[in-house]
Protein backbone atom coordinates (compact mmCIF):
# COMPACT_ATOMS: atom_id res chain seq x y z
CA UNK A 1 0.00 0.00 0.00
CA UNK A 2 2.87 2.37 0.78
CA UNK A 3 4.37 1.81 -2.67
CA UNK A 4 1.06 2.67 -4.36
CA UNK A 5 0.76 5.92 -2.39
CA UNK A 6 4.35 6.81 -3.23
CA UNK A 7 3.70 6.08 -6.91
CA UNK A 8 0.64 8.35 -6.94
CA UNK A 9 2.62 11.23 -5.40
CA UNK A 10 5.50 10.88 -7.88
CA UNK A 11 5.53 13.78 -10.35
CA UNK A 12 8.35 12.62 -12.64
CA UNK A 13 5.98 11.08 -15.17
CA UNK A 14 3.80 14.18 -15.31
CA UNK A 15 6.84 16.40 -15.83
CA UNK A 16 8.07 14.17 -18.64
CA UNK A 17 4.69 14.37 -20.37
CA UNK A 18 4.64 18.15 -20.03
CA UNK A 19 8.13 18.43 -21.52
CA UNK A 20 7.12 16.14 -24.39
CA UNK A 21 4.06 18.28 -25.13
CA UNK A 22 6.14 21.44 -25.09
CA UNK A 23 8.73 19.87 -27.40
CA UNK A 24 5.98 18.77 -29.77
CA UNK A 25 4.50 22.26 -29.84
CA UNK A 26 7.90 23.81 -30.54
CA UNK A 27 8.56 21.28 -33.32
CA UNK A 28 5.18 21.99 -34.91
CA UNK A 29 5.78 25.74 -34.78
CA UNK A 30 9.26 25.29 -36.28
CA UNK A 31 7.92 23.20 -39.18
CA UNK A 32 5.19 25.77 -39.84
CA UNK A 33 7.69 28.66 -39.74
CA UNK A 34 10.20 26.90 -42.00
CA UNK A 35 7.45 26.07 -44.49
CA UNK A 36 6.33 29.68 -44.68
CA UNK A 37 9.90 30.92 -44.87
CA UNK A 38 10.65 28.47 -47.69
CA UNK A 39 7.65 29.67 -49.66
CA UNK A 40 8.67 33.28 -49.18
CA UNK A 41 12.24 32.67 -50.30
CA UNK A 42 11.01 30.69 -53.31
CA UNK A 43 8.77 33.59 -54.33
CA UNK A 44 11.61 36.06 -53.85
CA UNK A 45 13.99 34.09 -56.08
CA UNK A 46 11.20 33.65 -58.64
CA UNK A 47 10.65 37.43 -58.79
CA UNK A 48 14.37 38.11 -59.10
CA UNK A 49 14.71 35.48 -61.80
CA UNK A 50 11.81 36.86 -63.83
CA UNK A 51 13.20 40.41 -63.66
CA UNK A 52 16.69 39.29 -64.70
CA UNK A 53 15.46 37.07 -67.53
C-alpha atoms as a PDB file:
ATOM      1  CA  UNK A   1       0.000   0.000   0.000  1.00  0.00           C
ATOM      2  CA  UNK A   2       2.872   2.369   0.783  1.00  0.00           C
ATOM      3  CA  UNK A   3       4.366   1.813  -2.669  1.00  0.00           C
ATOM      4  CA  UNK A   4       1.065   2.674  -4.356  1.00  0.00           C
ATOM      5  CA  UNK A   5       0.765   5.924  -2.387  1.00  0.00           C
ATOM      6  CA  UNK A   6       4.353   6.809  -3.235  1.00  0.00           C
ATOM      7  CA  UNK A   7       3.705   6.081  -6.910  1.00  0.00           C
ATOM      8  CA  UNK A   8       0.639   8.353  -6.939  1.00  0.00           C
ATOM      9  CA  UNK A   9       2.620  11.234  -5.404  1.00  0.00           C
ATOM     10  CA  UNK A  10       5.499  10.877  -7.878  1.00  0.00           C
ATOM     11  CA  UNK A  11       5.528  13.784 -10.350  1.00  0.00           C
ATOM     12  CA  UNK A  12       8.348  12.618 -12.637  1.00  0.00           C
ATOM     13  CA  UNK A  13       5.977  11.080 -15.170  1.00  0.00           C
ATOM     14  CA  UNK A  14       3.796  14.185 -15.307  1.00  0.00           C
ATOM     15  CA  UNK A  15       6.837  16.395 -15.827  1.00  0.00           C
ATOM     16  CA  UNK A  16       8.067  14.173 -18.641  1.00  0.00           C
ATOM     17  CA  UNK A  17       4.692  14.367 -20.375  1.00  0.00           C
ATOM     18  CA  UNK A  18       4.644  18.153 -20.030  1.00  0.00           C
ATOM     19  CA  UNK A  19       8.128  18.430 -21.520  1.00  0.00           C
ATOM     20  CA  UNK A  20       7.124  16.138 -24.390  1.00  0.00           C
ATOM     21  CA  UNK A  21       4.057  18.277 -25.130  1.00  0.00           C
ATOM     22  CA  UNK A  22       6.142  21.445 -25.091  1.00  0.00           C
ATOM     23  CA  UNK A  23       8.729  19.872 -27.402  1.00  0.00           C
ATOM     24  CA  UNK A  24       5.978  18.771 -29.775  1.00  0.00           C
ATOM     25  CA  UNK A  25       4.499  22.260 -29.836  1.00  0.00           C
ATOM     26  CA  UNK A  26       7.901  23.808 -30.544  1.00  0.00           C
ATOM     27  CA  UNK A  27       8.565  21.283 -33.318  1.00  0.00           C
ATOM     28  CA  UNK A  28       5.176  21.991 -34.908  1.00  0.00           C
ATOM     29  CA  UNK A  29       5.784  25.745 -34.777  1.00  0.00           C
ATOM     30  CA  UNK A  30       9.262  25.289 -36.283  1.00  0.00           C
ATOM     31  CA  UNK A  31       7.922  23.200 -39.175  1.00  0.00           C
ATOM     32  CA  UNK A  32       5.192  25.773 -39.841  1.00  0.00           C
ATOM     33  CA  UNK A  33       7.692  28.656 -39.740  1.00  0.00           C
ATOM     34  CA  UNK A  34      10.195  26.903 -42.004  1.00  0.00           C
ATOM     35  CA  UNK A  35       7.447  26.066 -44.494  1.00  0.00           C
ATOM     36  CA  UNK A  36       6.329  29.684 -44.676  1.00  0.00           C
ATOM     37  CA  UNK A  37       9.899  30.917 -44.867  1.00  0.00           C
ATOM     38  CA  UNK A  38      10.655  28.474 -47.688  1.00  0.00           C
ATOM     39  CA  UNK A  39       7.652  29.671 -49.664  1.00  0.00           C
ATOM     40  CA  UNK A  40       8.672  33.281 -49.184  1.00  0.00           C
ATOM     41  CA  UNK A  41      12.245  32.665 -50.296  1.00  0.00           C
ATOM     42  CA  UNK A  42      11.015  30.688 -53.308  1.00  0.00           C
ATOM     43  CA  UNK A  43       8.766  33.588 -54.329  1.00  0.00           C
ATOM     44  CA  UNK A  44      11.611  36.062 -53.847  1.00  0.00           C
ATOM     45  CA  UNK A  45      13.986  34.092 -56.084  1.00  0.00           C
ATOM     46  CA  UNK A  46      11.199  33.646 -58.640  1.00  0.00           C
ATOM     47  CA  UNK A  47      10.650  37.433 -58.787  1.00  0.00           C
ATOM     48  CA  UNK A  48      14.374  38.106 -59.098  1.00  0.00           C
ATOM     49  CA  UNK A  49      14.715  35.477 -61.805  1.00  0.00           C
ATOM     50  CA  UNK A  50      11.807  36.864 -63.829  1.00  0.00           C
ATOM     51  CA  UNK A  51      13.200  40.413 -63.663  1.00  0.00           C
ATOM     52  CA  UNK A  52      16.688  39.294 -64.698  1.00  0.00           C
ATOM     53  CA  UNK A  53      15.459  37.069 -67.530  1.00  0.00           C
END
